[in-house]
Amino acid sequence: MIKKVLLAIMIAIPAMGFAQKFGVINTETLMADMPDMKEVQAQVEASSKKYETEFKSLQDEFQSKFDEFQKMEESTPQTIKDRRMQELQELDQKIQQFRQTATQDLQRQSEQLMAPIRQKVVTAIQSVGAEGGYTFIFENAVPVYAGKDVTDVTVEVKSKLGIK
C-alpha cells in the first residue's frame, strides 16, 4: 500500500511541474504608462511648488535678518545681539521643521494618490492571472533569465487597464 502511495506521489510531482504557468510583469513601466499617473505627478508637483515658494520665503526672511545682524554696530549692547542671535536660531529651527513637515506631507499625499492606481494594477494582474491560468506572476523589473515557460504579461495587463 505504501509503495502505491509513493509511486502515485512520484508520478504526480513531475506532472505538477509541467502544469504550472509563470508570468512576469514590470509594474514600474506599466504604471508610468498609465494616464492616472500623470495626474498624480501633476498634483504632487503643484503641491511641491507651493512648498518650495513658502520655503524660499522663509529662507529670504532668514537671510534678511542675518544680514541685519551682521550689520550691527559694535556699540550695540550684547543683550540685543544675543536676542537677535536667538531669533535667528529659532527661525532656522522653524525652517528645518517646515522642510521635514513638507517632505512628510508630500510623501503622504503621493501615497494616498497612488493607492487607487496600485489597486487597479493589482486587480488587472489578478484578472490576467486568473484568465491566463497562471500559477504565479512575479514582479520583475529586469529579468536575469526567463525560460520558455515564463510569459511577460505586461502587455496583457496594459490591455486590461486600457493602456496602449
N, C-alpha and C. Protein backbone atom coordinates (compact mmCIF):
# COMPACT_ATOMS: atom_id res chain seq x y z
N MET A 1 0.82 -1.19 0.00
CA MET A 1 0.00 0.00 0.00
C MET A 1 0.87 1.26 0.00
N ILE A 2 1.90 1.30 0.87
CA ILE A 2 2.79 2.45 0.95
C ILE A 2 3.53 2.63 -0.37
N LYS A 3 3.89 1.55 -1.02
CA LYS A 3 4.58 1.63 -2.30
C LYS A 3 3.69 2.27 -3.34
N LYS A 4 2.40 1.96 -3.34
CA LYS A 4 1.47 2.54 -4.31
C LYS A 4 1.32 4.05 -4.08
N VAL A 5 1.25 4.48 -2.81
CA VAL A 5 1.13 5.91 -2.49
C VAL A 5 2.38 6.65 -2.92
N LEU A 6 3.55 6.09 -2.60
CA LEU A 6 4.81 6.71 -3.01
C LEU A 6 4.93 6.79 -4.52
N LEU A 7 4.50 5.75 -5.21
CA LEU A 7 4.53 5.74 -6.67
C LEU A 7 3.61 6.83 -7.22
N ALA A 8 2.44 6.97 -6.65
CA ALA A 8 1.49 8.00 -7.09
C ALA A 8 2.07 9.39 -6.87
N ILE A 9 2.72 9.62 -5.72
CA ILE A 9 3.33 10.92 -5.43
C ILE A 9 4.47 11.20 -6.39
N MET A 10 5.28 10.19 -6.67
CA MET A 10 6.43 10.37 -7.57
C MET A 10 5.97 10.68 -8.99
N ILE A 11 4.84 10.16 -9.39
CA ILE A 11 4.30 10.45 -10.71
C ILE A 11 3.64 11.83 -10.73
N ALA A 12 2.97 12.20 -9.64
CA ALA A 12 2.22 13.46 -9.59
C ALA A 12 3.14 14.68 -9.50
N ILE A 13 4.23 14.58 -8.77
CA ILE A 13 5.12 15.75 -8.58
C ILE A 13 5.68 16.25 -9.90
N PRO A 14 6.28 15.43 -10.75
CA PRO A 14 6.76 15.96 -12.03
C PRO A 14 5.63 16.48 -12.91
N ALA A 15 4.48 15.84 -12.86
CA ALA A 15 3.35 16.30 -13.66
C ALA A 15 2.89 17.68 -13.22
N MET A 16 2.95 17.96 -11.91
CA MET A 16 2.55 19.28 -11.41
C MET A 16 3.52 20.34 -11.93
N GLY A 17 4.79 20.03 -12.03
CA GLY A 17 5.78 20.98 -12.52
C GLY A 17 5.52 21.40 -13.95
N PHE A 18 5.04 20.47 -14.77
CA PHE A 18 4.76 20.80 -16.17
C PHE A 18 3.45 21.56 -16.33
N ALA A 19 2.56 21.42 -15.38
CA ALA A 19 1.26 22.07 -15.47
C ALA A 19 1.31 23.52 -15.02
N GLN A 20 2.39 23.93 -14.39
CA GLN A 20 2.47 25.28 -13.87
C GLN A 20 2.82 26.27 -14.98
N LYS A 21 2.24 27.45 -14.85
CA LYS A 21 2.46 28.50 -15.83
C LYS A 21 2.88 29.75 -15.06
N PHE A 22 3.99 30.35 -15.45
CA PHE A 22 4.53 31.50 -14.75
C PHE A 22 4.52 32.73 -15.64
N GLY A 23 4.34 33.88 -15.02
CA GLY A 23 4.38 35.14 -15.74
C GLY A 23 5.23 36.15 -14.99
N VAL A 24 5.72 37.12 -15.72
CA VAL A 24 6.45 38.23 -15.12
C VAL A 24 5.82 39.53 -15.60
N ILE A 25 5.96 40.55 -14.79
CA ILE A 25 5.43 41.85 -15.16
C ILE A 25 6.34 42.93 -14.60
N ASN A 26 6.45 44.01 -15.31
CA ASN A 26 7.22 45.15 -14.85
C ASN A 26 6.21 46.25 -14.51
N THR A 27 5.80 46.31 -13.25
CA THR A 27 4.78 47.27 -12.84
C THR A 27 5.29 48.70 -12.90
N GLU A 28 6.59 48.89 -12.81
CA GLU A 28 7.15 50.24 -12.87
C GLU A 28 6.86 50.88 -14.23
N THR A 29 7.16 50.16 -15.30
CA THR A 29 6.88 50.71 -16.64
C THR A 29 5.38 50.75 -16.90
N LEU A 30 4.66 49.76 -16.39
CA LEU A 30 3.21 49.73 -16.55
C LEU A 30 2.58 50.97 -15.94
N MET A 31 2.95 51.27 -14.70
CA MET A 31 2.36 52.42 -14.01
C MET A 31 2.79 53.73 -14.64
N ALA A 32 4.00 53.78 -15.17
CA ALA A 32 4.48 55.00 -15.83
C ALA A 32 3.65 55.32 -17.07
N ASP A 33 3.08 54.30 -17.70
CA ASP A 33 2.28 54.49 -18.91
C ASP A 33 0.81 54.82 -18.61
N MET A 34 0.41 54.71 -17.36
CA MET A 34 -0.99 54.95 -17.01
C MET A 34 -1.30 56.45 -17.00
N PRO A 35 -2.42 56.84 -17.61
CA PRO A 35 -2.80 58.26 -17.61
C PRO A 35 -3.03 58.80 -16.19
N ASP A 36 -3.52 57.95 -15.29
CA ASP A 36 -3.75 58.38 -13.91
C ASP A 36 -2.46 58.84 -13.25
N MET A 37 -1.34 58.23 -13.63
CA MET A 37 -0.05 58.59 -13.03
C MET A 37 0.34 60.02 -13.38
N LYS A 38 0.02 60.44 -14.58
CA LYS A 38 0.35 61.81 -14.99
C LYS A 38 -0.41 62.82 -14.13
N GLU A 39 -1.67 62.49 -13.80
CA GLU A 39 -2.47 63.36 -12.94
C GLU A 39 -1.87 63.42 -11.54
N VAL A 40 -1.48 62.27 -11.02
CA VAL A 40 -0.89 62.21 -9.68
C VAL A 40 0.40 63.02 -9.65
N GLN A 41 1.24 62.83 -10.65
CA GLN A 41 2.50 63.57 -10.71
C GLN A 41 2.25 65.08 -10.78
N ALA A 42 1.25 65.48 -11.54
CA ALA A 42 0.92 66.91 -11.65
C ALA A 42 0.46 67.46 -10.30
N GLN A 43 -0.37 66.72 -9.58
CA GLN A 43 -0.86 67.18 -8.28
C GLN A 43 0.28 67.28 -7.27
N VAL A 44 1.13 66.27 -7.24
CA VAL A 44 2.25 66.28 -6.30
C VAL A 44 3.22 67.41 -6.67
N GLU A 45 3.44 67.61 -7.95
CA GLU A 45 4.33 68.68 -8.39
C GLU A 45 3.77 70.05 -8.01
N ALA A 46 2.45 70.23 -8.14
CA ALA A 46 1.83 71.51 -7.77
C ALA A 46 2.00 71.77 -6.27
N SER A 47 1.78 70.75 -5.47
CA SER A 47 1.97 70.89 -4.02
C SER A 47 3.43 71.18 -3.70
N SER A 48 4.31 70.52 -4.39
CA SER A 48 5.74 70.72 -4.17
C SER A 48 6.14 72.16 -4.47
N LYS A 49 5.60 72.72 -5.53
CA LYS A 49 5.92 74.11 -5.88
C LYS A 49 5.43 75.08 -4.80
N LYS A 50 4.26 74.79 -4.22
CA LYS A 50 3.75 75.64 -3.15
C LYS A 50 4.69 75.59 -1.94
N TYR A 51 5.15 74.38 -1.62
CA TYR A 51 6.08 74.25 -0.50
C TYR A 51 7.40 74.95 -0.80
N GLU A 52 7.87 74.84 -2.05
CA GLU A 52 9.12 75.50 -2.43
C GLU A 52 9.00 77.01 -2.30
N THR A 53 7.85 77.56 -2.68
CA THR A 53 7.62 79.00 -2.57
C THR A 53 7.67 79.44 -1.11
N GLU A 54 6.99 78.69 -0.25
CA GLU A 54 6.99 79.01 1.18
C GLU A 54 8.39 78.86 1.77
N PHE A 55 9.10 77.82 1.36
CA PHE A 55 10.46 77.59 1.84
C PHE A 55 11.37 78.75 1.43
N LYS A 56 11.24 79.20 0.20
CA LYS A 56 12.04 80.32 -0.30
C LYS A 56 11.75 81.58 0.51
N SER A 57 10.48 81.79 0.85
CA SER A 57 10.09 82.94 1.65
C SER A 57 10.76 82.89 3.03
N LEU A 58 10.76 81.72 3.66
CA LEU A 58 11.42 81.56 4.96
C LEU A 58 12.93 81.79 4.86
N GLN A 59 13.53 81.28 3.80
CA GLN A 59 14.97 81.48 3.61
C GLN A 59 15.29 82.96 3.40
N ASP A 60 14.45 83.64 2.63
CA ASP A 60 14.68 85.07 2.40
C ASP A 60 14.57 85.85 3.71
N GLU A 61 13.59 85.49 4.53
CA GLU A 61 13.41 86.13 5.83
C GLU A 61 14.65 85.91 6.70
N PHE A 62 15.14 84.67 6.71
CA PHE A 62 16.33 84.34 7.49
C PHE A 62 17.52 85.15 7.00
N GLN A 63 17.72 85.19 5.69
CA GLN A 63 18.86 85.92 5.11
C GLN A 63 18.78 87.40 5.44
N SER A 64 17.59 87.96 5.38
CA SER A 64 17.40 89.37 5.69
C SER A 64 17.78 89.65 7.15
N LYS A 65 17.30 88.83 8.06
CA LYS A 65 17.62 89.02 9.48
C LYS A 65 19.11 88.77 9.75
N PHE A 66 19.68 87.82 9.04
CA PHE A 66 21.10 87.53 9.21
C PHE A 66 21.94 88.72 8.73
N ASP A 67 21.58 89.29 7.59
CA ASP A 67 22.29 90.46 7.07
C ASP A 67 22.18 91.63 8.05
N GLU A 68 20.99 91.81 8.60
CA GLU A 68 20.75 92.84 9.60
C GLU A 68 21.66 92.63 10.81
N PHE A 69 21.74 91.39 11.23
CA PHE A 69 22.57 91.03 12.39
C PHE A 69 24.04 91.34 12.13
N GLN A 70 24.51 91.03 10.95
CA GLN A 70 25.91 91.26 10.62
C GLN A 70 26.24 92.75 10.51
N LYS A 71 25.24 93.55 10.18
CA LYS A 71 25.47 94.98 10.01
C LYS A 71 25.38 95.76 11.33
N MET A 72 25.09 95.06 12.42
CA MET A 72 25.00 95.74 13.71
C MET A 72 26.36 96.37 14.05
N GLU A 73 26.26 97.51 14.61
CA GLU A 73 27.49 98.20 15.01
C GLU A 73 28.07 97.52 16.24
N GLU A 74 29.32 97.73 16.43
CA GLU A 74 29.99 97.14 17.58
C GLU A 74 29.50 97.73 18.89
N SER A 75 28.95 98.92 18.80
CA SER A 75 28.47 99.57 20.02
C SER A 75 27.11 99.05 20.48
N THR A 76 26.50 98.18 19.68
CA THR A 76 25.20 97.60 20.04
C THR A 76 25.39 96.75 21.29
N PRO A 77 24.51 96.92 22.28
CA PRO A 77 24.63 96.13 23.52
C PRO A 77 24.55 94.62 23.24
N GLN A 78 25.25 93.86 24.04
CA GLN A 78 25.34 92.41 23.86
C GLN A 78 23.97 91.74 24.00
N THR A 79 23.12 92.26 24.87
CA THR A 79 21.79 91.66 25.06
C THR A 79 20.96 91.74 23.79
N ILE A 80 21.09 92.82 23.06
CA ILE A 80 20.37 92.96 21.79
C ILE A 80 20.94 91.97 20.77
N LYS A 81 22.25 91.86 20.72
CA LYS A 81 22.89 90.91 19.81
C LYS A 81 22.47 89.48 20.15
N ASP A 82 22.42 89.17 21.44
CA ASP A 82 22.01 87.82 21.87
C ASP A 82 20.56 87.53 21.47
N ARG A 83 19.70 88.54 21.64
CA ARG A 83 18.29 88.36 21.27
C ARG A 83 18.15 88.13 19.77
N ARG A 84 18.88 88.88 18.99
CA ARG A 84 18.84 88.70 17.53
C ARG A 84 19.38 87.33 17.13
N MET A 85 20.44 86.90 17.81
CA MET A 85 21.01 85.58 17.53
C MET A 85 19.99 84.50 17.86
N GLN A 86 19.30 84.67 18.95
CA GLN A 86 18.27 83.70 19.33
C GLN A 86 17.14 83.68 18.31
N GLU A 87 16.75 84.84 17.81
CA GLU A 87 15.72 84.92 16.77
C GLU A 87 16.17 84.15 15.52
N LEU A 88 17.43 84.32 15.17
CA LEU A 88 17.98 83.61 14.00
C LEU A 88 17.95 82.09 14.23
N GLN A 89 18.32 81.67 15.40
CA GLN A 89 18.31 80.24 15.71
C GLN A 89 16.88 79.68 15.68
N GLU A 90 15.94 80.42 16.21
CA GLU A 90 14.54 79.98 16.20
C GLU A 90 14.00 79.92 14.77
N LEU A 91 14.37 80.90 13.97
CA LEU A 91 13.93 80.90 12.58
C LEU A 91 14.56 79.74 11.82
N ASP A 92 15.82 79.44 12.11
CA ASP A 92 16.47 78.30 11.47
C ASP A 92 15.76 76.99 11.86
N GLN A 93 15.41 76.85 13.11
CA GLN A 93 14.67 75.65 13.56
C GLN A 93 13.31 75.58 12.87
N LYS A 94 12.67 76.71 12.72
CA LYS A 94 11.37 76.77 12.04
C LYS A 94 11.52 76.31 10.58
N ILE A 95 12.60 76.73 9.94
CA ILE A 95 12.86 76.33 8.56
C ILE A 95 13.10 74.83 8.47
N GLN A 96 13.89 74.30 9.38
CA GLN A 96 14.17 72.85 9.38
C GLN A 96 12.89 72.05 9.63
N GLN A 97 12.07 72.51 10.56
CA GLN A 97 10.81 71.82 10.85
C GLN A 97 9.87 71.88 9.64
N PHE A 98 9.84 73.03 8.99
CA PHE A 98 9.00 73.18 7.80
C PHE A 98 9.45 72.22 6.70
N ARG A 99 10.75 72.12 6.50
CA ARG A 99 11.29 71.23 5.47
C ARG A 99 10.89 69.78 5.76
N GLN A 100 11.02 69.37 7.01
CA GLN A 100 10.68 68.00 7.39
C GLN A 100 9.18 67.74 7.22
N THR A 101 8.36 68.66 7.67
CA THR A 101 6.92 68.52 7.55
C THR A 101 6.49 68.48 6.08
N ALA A 102 7.07 69.34 5.28
CA ALA A 102 6.73 69.38 3.85
C ALA A 102 7.08 68.07 3.17
N THR A 103 8.25 67.53 3.48
CA THR A 103 8.67 66.26 2.89
C THR A 103 7.72 65.14 3.28
N GLN A 104 7.36 65.08 4.54
CA GLN A 104 6.43 64.06 5.02
C GLN A 104 5.06 64.22 4.38
N ASP A 105 4.60 65.46 4.27
CA ASP A 105 3.28 65.71 3.68
C ASP A 105 3.26 65.32 2.21
N LEU A 106 4.30 65.66 1.47
CA LEU A 106 4.36 65.29 0.05
C LEU A 106 4.39 63.77 -0.12
N GLN A 107 5.12 63.10 0.74
CA GLN A 107 5.19 61.64 0.67
C GLN A 107 3.82 61.03 0.98
N ARG A 108 3.16 61.54 2.01
CA ARG A 108 1.83 61.03 2.38
C ARG A 108 0.82 61.29 1.25
N GLN A 109 0.87 62.48 0.69
CA GLN A 109 -0.04 62.82 -0.41
C GLN A 109 0.19 61.90 -1.61
N SER A 110 1.44 61.66 -1.93
CA SER A 110 1.77 60.78 -3.05
C SER A 110 1.25 59.37 -2.79
N GLU A 111 1.45 58.86 -1.59
CA GLU A 111 0.98 57.52 -1.25
C GLU A 111 -0.55 57.43 -1.34
N GLN A 112 -1.24 58.46 -0.86
CA GLN A 112 -2.71 58.46 -0.92
C GLN A 112 -3.21 58.49 -2.36
N LEU A 113 -2.56 59.29 -3.19
CA LEU A 113 -2.98 59.39 -4.59
C LEU A 113 -2.63 58.13 -5.38
N MET A 114 -1.55 57.45 -4.98
CA MET A 114 -1.10 56.25 -5.69
C MET A 114 -1.90 55.00 -5.31
N ALA A 115 -2.50 54.99 -4.13
CA ALA A 115 -3.19 53.80 -3.64
C ALA A 115 -4.25 53.28 -4.63
N PRO A 116 -5.15 54.13 -5.16
CA PRO A 116 -6.13 53.60 -6.11
C PRO A 116 -5.51 53.08 -7.40
N ILE A 117 -4.42 53.70 -7.83
CA ILE A 117 -3.73 53.24 -9.05
C ILE A 117 -3.11 51.87 -8.81
N ARG A 118 -2.45 51.71 -7.66
CA ARG A 118 -1.87 50.41 -7.33
C ARG A 118 -2.95 49.34 -7.27
N GLN A 119 -4.11 49.70 -6.70
CA GLN A 119 -5.19 48.72 -6.60
C GLN A 119 -5.69 48.32 -7.98
N LYS A 120 -5.79 49.28 -8.90
CA LYS A 120 -6.20 48.96 -10.28
C LYS A 120 -5.22 47.98 -10.91
N VAL A 121 -3.93 48.24 -10.71
CA VAL A 121 -2.89 47.38 -11.29
C VAL A 121 -2.98 45.98 -10.70
N VAL A 122 -3.12 45.88 -9.38
CA VAL A 122 -3.21 44.57 -8.73
C VAL A 122 -4.43 43.81 -9.24
N THR A 123 -5.56 44.50 -9.34
CA THR A 123 -6.78 43.87 -9.83
C THR A 123 -6.60 43.37 -11.26
N ALA A 124 -5.98 44.17 -12.11
CA ALA A 124 -5.75 43.78 -13.50
C ALA A 124 -4.80 42.58 -13.58
N ILE A 125 -3.76 42.59 -12.76
CA ILE A 125 -2.81 41.46 -12.75
C ILE A 125 -3.52 40.19 -12.30
N GLN A 126 -4.34 40.31 -11.27
CA GLN A 126 -5.07 39.14 -10.78
C GLN A 126 -6.04 38.62 -11.84
N SER A 127 -6.66 39.53 -12.55
CA SER A 127 -7.59 39.14 -13.61
C SER A 127 -6.87 38.41 -14.74
N VAL A 128 -5.73 38.97 -15.18
CA VAL A 128 -4.94 38.33 -16.24
C VAL A 128 -4.44 36.98 -15.77
N GLY A 129 -4.02 36.92 -14.51
CA GLY A 129 -3.54 35.65 -13.95
C GLY A 129 -4.61 34.59 -13.94
N ALA A 130 -5.82 34.96 -13.54
CA ALA A 130 -6.92 34.01 -13.49
C ALA A 130 -7.34 33.59 -14.90
N GLU A 131 -7.47 34.56 -15.80
CA GLU A 131 -7.90 34.26 -17.17
C GLU A 131 -6.85 33.43 -17.92
N GLY A 132 -5.57 33.72 -17.66
CA GLY A 132 -4.50 33.02 -18.38
C GLY A 132 -4.08 31.72 -17.73
N GLY A 133 -4.63 31.41 -16.58
CA GLY A 133 -4.28 30.17 -15.90
C GLY A 133 -2.86 30.16 -15.34
N TYR A 134 -2.38 31.32 -14.91
CA TYR A 134 -1.02 31.41 -14.37
C TYR A 134 -0.99 30.91 -12.93
N THR A 135 0.07 30.18 -12.59
CA THR A 135 0.28 29.74 -11.22
C THR A 135 0.82 30.91 -10.40
N PHE A 136 1.80 31.63 -10.96
CA PHE A 136 2.39 32.80 -10.34
C PHE A 136 2.66 33.85 -11.39
N ILE A 137 2.53 35.12 -10.99
CA ILE A 137 3.02 36.24 -11.79
C ILE A 137 3.96 37.01 -10.88
N PHE A 138 5.21 37.11 -11.31
CA PHE A 138 6.24 37.75 -10.50
C PHE A 138 6.52 39.16 -10.98
N GLU A 139 6.80 40.06 -10.04
CA GLU A 139 7.29 41.39 -10.37
C GLU A 139 8.75 41.24 -10.72
N ASN A 140 9.12 41.70 -11.90
CA ASN A 140 10.50 41.52 -12.33
C ASN A 140 10.88 42.67 -13.24
N ALA A 141 11.51 43.68 -12.67
CA ALA A 141 11.88 44.86 -13.45
C ALA A 141 12.92 44.52 -14.51
N VAL A 142 13.95 43.76 -14.15
CA VAL A 142 15.00 43.39 -15.10
C VAL A 142 15.30 41.90 -14.91
N PRO A 143 14.69 41.06 -15.73
CA PRO A 143 14.94 39.62 -15.56
C PRO A 143 16.38 39.26 -15.93
N VAL A 144 16.96 38.42 -15.13
CA VAL A 144 18.30 37.92 -15.42
C VAL A 144 18.19 36.78 -16.42
N TYR A 145 17.21 35.94 -16.20
CA TYR A 145 16.95 34.83 -17.12
C TYR A 145 15.47 34.49 -17.04
N ALA A 146 14.86 34.29 -18.16
CA ALA A 146 13.47 33.84 -18.22
C ALA A 146 13.41 32.71 -19.23
N GLY A 147 13.02 31.54 -18.77
CA GLY A 147 12.92 30.37 -19.64
C GLY A 147 11.71 30.46 -20.55
N LYS A 148 11.52 29.42 -21.36
CA LYS A 148 10.42 29.37 -22.32
C LYS A 148 9.06 29.34 -21.65
N ASP A 149 9.01 28.79 -20.44
CA ASP A 149 7.73 28.63 -19.77
C ASP A 149 7.32 29.85 -18.95
N VAL A 150 8.05 30.97 -19.05
CA VAL A 150 7.70 32.20 -18.35
C VAL A 150 7.24 33.22 -19.38
N THR A 151 6.09 33.80 -19.14
CA THR A 151 5.48 34.75 -20.08
C THR A 151 5.46 36.14 -19.47
N ASP A 152 5.84 37.15 -20.26
CA ASP A 152 5.73 38.54 -19.81
C ASP A 152 4.28 38.97 -20.05
N VAL A 153 3.57 39.25 -18.98
CA VAL A 153 2.14 39.57 -19.08
C VAL A 153 1.88 41.07 -19.04
N THR A 154 2.93 41.89 -19.16
CA THR A 154 2.77 43.34 -19.09
C THR A 154 1.80 43.85 -20.15
N VAL A 155 1.92 43.33 -21.38
CA VAL A 155 1.05 43.77 -22.47
C VAL A 155 -0.41 43.42 -22.17
N GLU A 156 -0.64 42.23 -21.65
CA GLU A 156 -2.00 41.80 -21.32
C GLU A 156 -2.60 42.67 -20.22
N VAL A 157 -1.81 43.00 -19.22
CA VAL A 157 -2.30 43.84 -18.12
C VAL A 157 -2.57 45.25 -18.62
N LYS A 158 -1.68 45.77 -19.48
CA LYS A 158 -1.92 47.08 -20.07
C LYS A 158 -3.23 47.09 -20.84
N SER A 159 -3.47 46.05 -21.59
CA SER A 159 -4.71 45.93 -22.35
C SER A 159 -5.90 45.91 -21.41
N LYS A 160 -5.79 45.20 -20.30
CA LYS A 160 -6.87 45.11 -19.32
C LYS A 160 -7.16 46.47 -18.70
N LEU A 161 -6.10 47.29 -18.56
CA LEU A 161 -6.25 48.64 -17.99
C LEU A 161 -6.59 49.69 -19.05
N GLY A 162 -6.62 49.29 -20.31
CA GLY A 162 -6.95 50.23 -21.37
C GLY A 162 -5.79 51.13 -21.77
N ILE A 163 -4.57 50.66 -21.55
CA ILE A 163 -3.37 51.44 -21.89
C ILE A 163 -2.82 50.90 -23.20
N LYS A 164 -2.43 51.81 -24.07
CA LYS A 164 -1.86 51.40 -25.36
C LYS A 164 -0.38 51.27 -25.26
